[in-house]
Every structure is written in structure tokens, then in C-alpha cells.
Amino acid sequence: MSSEQFSLRIPKSTKEKLEELAKATGRTKAFLAIEAIEKYLDLESWQISAIQKGIKDIDNGKHVSIDDVKKEWGIE
């Protein structure tokens, strides 16, 4: 995997937490930052895909009415 330089400004408190975690785990700050960014991107990508699928399902008529949901849950 090739890598590129990337810099950003973060709050001092975030930097301190990153430094503490790096020290506690024996990992580098770069490793932890990359891992955190990758996990965030994976989660956001998953959410966007799920939302897009839900919208597509609704557009294709694949949904349940609120009345059916209430009836199923016995709250009608």
C-alpha cells in the first residue's frame, strides 16, 4: 500500500488523547490516526449505502405502512 503525506489541525485535547493512547498501546500516533480515519470512513460508507438502499426500496414500493407496524406491535 502506498502512502501520501496528509496534515490537519486538531484540537489540543484530541492530540493529547492520541498521544496517551499511543503511549499506552505502543502504537504510533500515525497508526492510530489512520486506523481511526479508516474505521470512520467504513462506517460512514456503510450508513450512506444503507440509506441509499432504503430510499431505493421505498421508491420501488418495498415498505410497510405505519398502520401495519402499529398493528404488528399492538399499539393501534
N, C-alpha and C. Protein backbone atom coordinates (compact mmCIF):
# COMPACT_ATOMS: atom_id res chain seq x y z
N MET A 1 0.85 -1.17 0.00
CA MET A 1 0.00 0.00 0.00
C MET A 1 0.89 1.23 0.00
N SER A 2 0.70 2.11 -0.96
CA SER A 2 1.47 3.35 -0.98
C SER A 2 0.82 4.36 -0.04
N SER A 3 1.60 5.32 0.37
CA SER A 3 1.05 6.32 1.29
C SER A 3 1.45 7.71 0.83
N GLU A 4 0.70 8.69 1.32
CA GLU A 4 0.96 10.08 1.00
C GLU A 4 0.93 10.90 2.26
N GLN A 5 1.62 12.02 2.24
CA GLN A 5 1.63 12.95 3.36
C GLN A 5 0.29 13.67 3.44
N PHE A 6 -0.23 13.82 4.65
CA PHE A 6 -1.50 14.50 4.87
C PHE A 6 -1.42 15.17 6.23
N SER A 7 -1.74 16.44 6.29
CA SER A 7 -1.68 17.11 7.59
C SER A 7 -2.99 17.83 7.86
N LEU A 8 -3.30 17.97 9.14
CA LEU A 8 -4.51 18.67 9.54
C LEU A 8 -4.33 19.22 10.94
N ARG A 9 -5.16 20.17 11.28
CA ARG A 9 -5.14 20.74 12.62
C ARG A 9 -6.20 20.03 13.45
N ILE A 10 -5.82 19.65 14.66
CA ILE A 10 -6.77 19.01 15.56
C ILE A 10 -6.73 19.75 16.90
N PRO A 11 -7.81 19.66 17.66
CA PRO A 11 -7.81 20.30 18.97
C PRO A 11 -6.71 19.73 19.86
N LYS A 12 -6.19 20.57 20.73
CA LYS A 12 -5.12 20.14 21.64
C LYS A 12 -5.55 18.93 22.45
N SER A 13 -6.79 18.93 22.91
CA SER A 13 -7.27 17.80 23.73
C SER A 13 -7.26 16.49 22.93
N THR A 14 -7.58 16.56 21.65
CA THR A 14 -7.56 15.36 20.81
C THR A 14 -6.12 14.87 20.63
N LYS A 15 -5.21 15.80 20.43
CA LYS A 15 -3.80 15.43 20.28
C LYS A 15 -3.29 14.77 21.56
N GLU A 16 -3.68 15.32 22.70
CA GLU A 16 -3.24 14.74 23.97
C GLU A 16 -3.79 13.33 24.16
N LYS A 17 -5.06 13.12 23.79
CA LYS A 17 -5.65 11.78 23.88
C LYS A 17 -4.92 10.81 22.96
N LEU A 18 -4.60 11.27 21.76
CA LEU A 18 -3.89 10.44 20.79
C LEU A 18 -2.51 10.06 21.33
N GLU A 19 -1.83 11.02 21.92
CA GLU A 19 -0.51 10.75 22.49
C GLU A 19 -0.59 9.75 23.64
N GLU A 20 -1.60 9.92 24.50
CA GLU A 20 -1.78 9.00 25.63
C GLU A 20 -2.06 7.58 25.14
N LEU A 21 -2.93 7.46 24.15
CA LEU A 21 -3.27 6.14 23.62
C LEU A 21 -2.07 5.50 22.94
N ALA A 22 -1.31 6.29 22.20
CA ALA A 22 -0.11 5.77 21.54
C ALA A 22 0.88 5.24 22.57
N LYS A 23 1.06 5.99 23.63
CA LYS A 23 1.98 5.56 24.68
C LYS A 23 1.49 4.29 25.36
N ALA A 24 0.19 4.23 25.64
CA ALA A 24 -0.38 3.08 26.35
C ALA A 24 -0.37 1.81 25.50
N THR A 25 -0.50 1.96 24.19
CA THR A 25 -0.61 0.79 23.32
C THR A 25 0.70 0.42 22.62
N GLY A 26 1.66 1.33 22.67
CA GLY A 26 2.91 1.07 21.96
C GLY A 26 2.78 1.27 20.46
N ARG A 27 1.70 1.88 20.05
CA ARG A 27 1.49 2.18 18.62
C ARG A 27 1.92 3.62 18.34
N THR A 28 2.14 3.91 17.08
CA THR A 28 2.47 5.29 16.73
C THR A 28 1.19 6.11 16.62
N LYS A 29 1.35 7.43 16.77
CA LYS A 29 0.19 8.31 16.60
C LYS A 29 -0.34 8.19 15.17
N ALA A 30 0.56 8.05 14.21
CA ALA A 30 0.13 7.91 12.82
C ALA A 30 -0.71 6.66 12.63
N PHE A 31 -0.26 5.54 13.21
CA PHE A 31 -1.01 4.29 13.08
C PHE A 31 -2.42 4.46 13.65
N LEU A 32 -2.51 5.03 14.85
CA LEU A 32 -3.82 5.19 15.49
C LEU A 32 -4.72 6.15 14.70
N ALA A 33 -4.14 7.22 14.19
CA ALA A 33 -4.92 8.18 13.42
C ALA A 33 -5.44 7.55 12.13
N ILE A 34 -4.59 6.81 11.44
CA ILE A 34 -5.01 6.13 10.21
C ILE A 34 -6.10 5.12 10.51
N GLU A 35 -5.93 4.34 11.58
CA GLU A 35 -6.94 3.35 11.95
C GLU A 35 -8.28 4.03 12.25
N ALA A 36 -8.24 5.13 12.99
CA ALA A 36 -9.47 5.85 13.32
C ALA A 36 -10.15 6.40 12.08
N ILE A 37 -9.37 6.98 11.18
CA ILE A 37 -9.94 7.53 9.94
C ILE A 37 -10.55 6.41 9.10
N GLU A 38 -9.85 5.30 8.97
CA GLU A 38 -10.37 4.18 8.16
C GLU A 38 -11.67 3.63 8.75
N LYS A 39 -11.73 3.48 10.07
CA LYS A 39 -12.96 2.99 10.70
C LYS A 39 -14.10 3.97 10.49
N TYR A 40 -13.82 5.26 10.61
CA TYR A 40 -14.85 6.28 10.39
C TYR A 40 -15.35 6.23 8.95
N LEU A 41 -14.45 6.16 8.01
CA LEU A 41 -14.84 6.11 6.59
C LEU A 41 -15.65 4.86 6.28
N ASP A 42 -15.26 3.72 6.84
CA ASP A 42 -16.02 2.48 6.64
C ASP A 42 -17.43 2.62 7.18
N LEU A 43 -17.57 3.18 8.38
CA LEU A 43 -18.89 3.34 8.99
C LEU A 43 -19.75 4.30 8.19
N GLU A 44 -19.19 5.43 7.81
CA GLU A 44 -19.95 6.41 7.04
C GLU A 44 -20.36 5.84 5.68
N SER A 45 -19.47 5.11 5.03
CA SER A 45 -19.79 4.49 3.74
C SER A 45 -20.92 3.48 3.90
N TRP A 46 -20.86 2.68 4.97
CA TRP A 46 -21.92 1.71 5.24
C TRP A 46 -23.25 2.42 5.45
N GLN A 47 -23.25 3.49 6.24
CA GLN A 47 -24.50 4.21 6.51
C GLN A 47 -25.08 4.80 5.23
N ILE A 48 -24.24 5.41 4.43
CA ILE A 48 -24.72 6.01 3.18
C ILE A 48 -25.29 4.94 2.27
N SER A 49 -24.62 3.80 2.16
CA SER A 49 -25.13 2.70 1.33
C SER A 49 -26.47 2.20 1.84
N ALA A 50 -26.60 2.06 3.16
CA ALA A 50 -27.86 1.58 3.74
C ALA A 50 -28.99 2.57 3.50
N ILE A 51 -28.70 3.85 3.63
CA ILE A 51 -29.71 4.87 3.38
C ILE A 51 -30.13 4.85 1.91
N GLN A 52 -29.15 4.79 1.02
CA GLN A 52 -29.46 4.75 -0.41
C GLN A 52 -30.29 3.52 -0.76
N LYS A 53 -29.98 2.37 -0.16
CA LYS A 53 -30.76 1.16 -0.41
C LYS A 53 -32.18 1.35 0.11
N GLY A 54 -32.32 1.94 1.28
CA GLY A 54 -33.64 2.18 1.84
C GLY A 54 -34.48 3.09 0.96
N ILE A 55 -33.87 4.13 0.45
CA ILE A 55 -34.58 5.05 -0.45
C ILE A 55 -34.99 4.32 -1.72
N LYS A 56 -34.09 3.51 -2.27
CA LYS A 56 -34.40 2.74 -3.48
C LYS A 56 -35.55 1.77 -3.21
N ASP A 57 -35.52 1.09 -2.05
CA ASP A 57 -36.60 0.17 -1.70
C ASP A 57 -37.94 0.91 -1.62
N ILE A 58 -37.94 2.06 -0.98
CA ILE A 58 -39.18 2.85 -0.87
C ILE A 58 -39.66 3.25 -2.26
N ASP A 59 -38.74 3.72 -3.10
CA ASP A 59 -39.11 4.12 -4.47
C ASP A 59 -39.69 2.94 -5.25
N ASN A 60 -39.25 1.72 -4.92
CA ASN A 60 -39.74 0.52 -5.61
C ASN A 60 -40.94 -0.12 -4.91
N GLY A 61 -41.48 0.59 -3.92
CA GLY A 61 -42.68 0.11 -3.24
C GLY A 61 -42.42 -0.92 -2.16
N LYS A 62 -41.18 -1.12 -1.80
CA LYS A 62 -40.84 -2.10 -0.76
C LYS A 62 -40.81 -1.39 0.60
N HIS A 63 -41.96 -1.31 1.22
CA HIS A 63 -42.04 -0.69 2.54
C HIS A 63 -43.29 -1.20 3.25
N VAL A 64 -43.37 -0.90 4.53
CA VAL A 64 -44.51 -1.30 5.34
C VAL A 64 -45.18 -0.03 5.83
N SER A 65 -46.50 -0.01 5.79
CA SER A 65 -47.21 1.19 6.23
C SER A 65 -47.13 1.33 7.74
N ILE A 66 -47.29 2.54 8.23
CA ILE A 66 -47.26 2.78 9.67
C ILE A 66 -48.41 2.05 10.36
N ASP A 67 -49.54 1.93 9.68
CA ASP A 67 -50.67 1.20 10.26
C ASP A 67 -50.33 -0.27 10.47
N ASP A 68 -49.63 -0.88 9.51
CA ASP A 68 -49.21 -2.28 9.66
C ASP A 68 -48.21 -2.44 10.80
N VAL A 69 -47.33 -1.48 10.95
CA VAL A 69 -46.35 -1.53 12.04
C VAL A 69 -47.06 -1.44 13.38
N LYS A 70 -48.00 -0.50 13.49
CA LYS A 70 -48.75 -0.34 14.75
C LYS A 70 -49.53 -1.61 15.07
N LYS A 71 -50.14 -2.19 14.05
CA LYS A 71 -50.91 -3.42 14.26
C LYS A 71 -50.00 -4.55 14.73
N GLU A 72 -48.84 -4.70 14.09
CA GLU A 72 -47.89 -5.75 14.46
C GLU A 72 -47.41 -5.60 15.90
N TRP A 73 -47.21 -4.37 16.33
CA TRP A 73 -46.72 -4.10 17.69
C TRP A 73 -47.85 -3.95 18.71
N GLY A 74 -49.08 -4.03 18.24
CA GLY A 74 -50.22 -3.94 19.14
C GLY A 74 -50.39 -2.57 19.78
N ILE A 75 -50.08 -1.53 19.04
CA ILE A 75 -50.21 -0.18 19.59
C ILE A 75 -51.24 0.65 18.84
N GLU A 76 -52.10 -0.02 18.16
CA GLU A 76 -53.12 0.68 17.36
C GLU A 76 -54.28 1.09 18.23
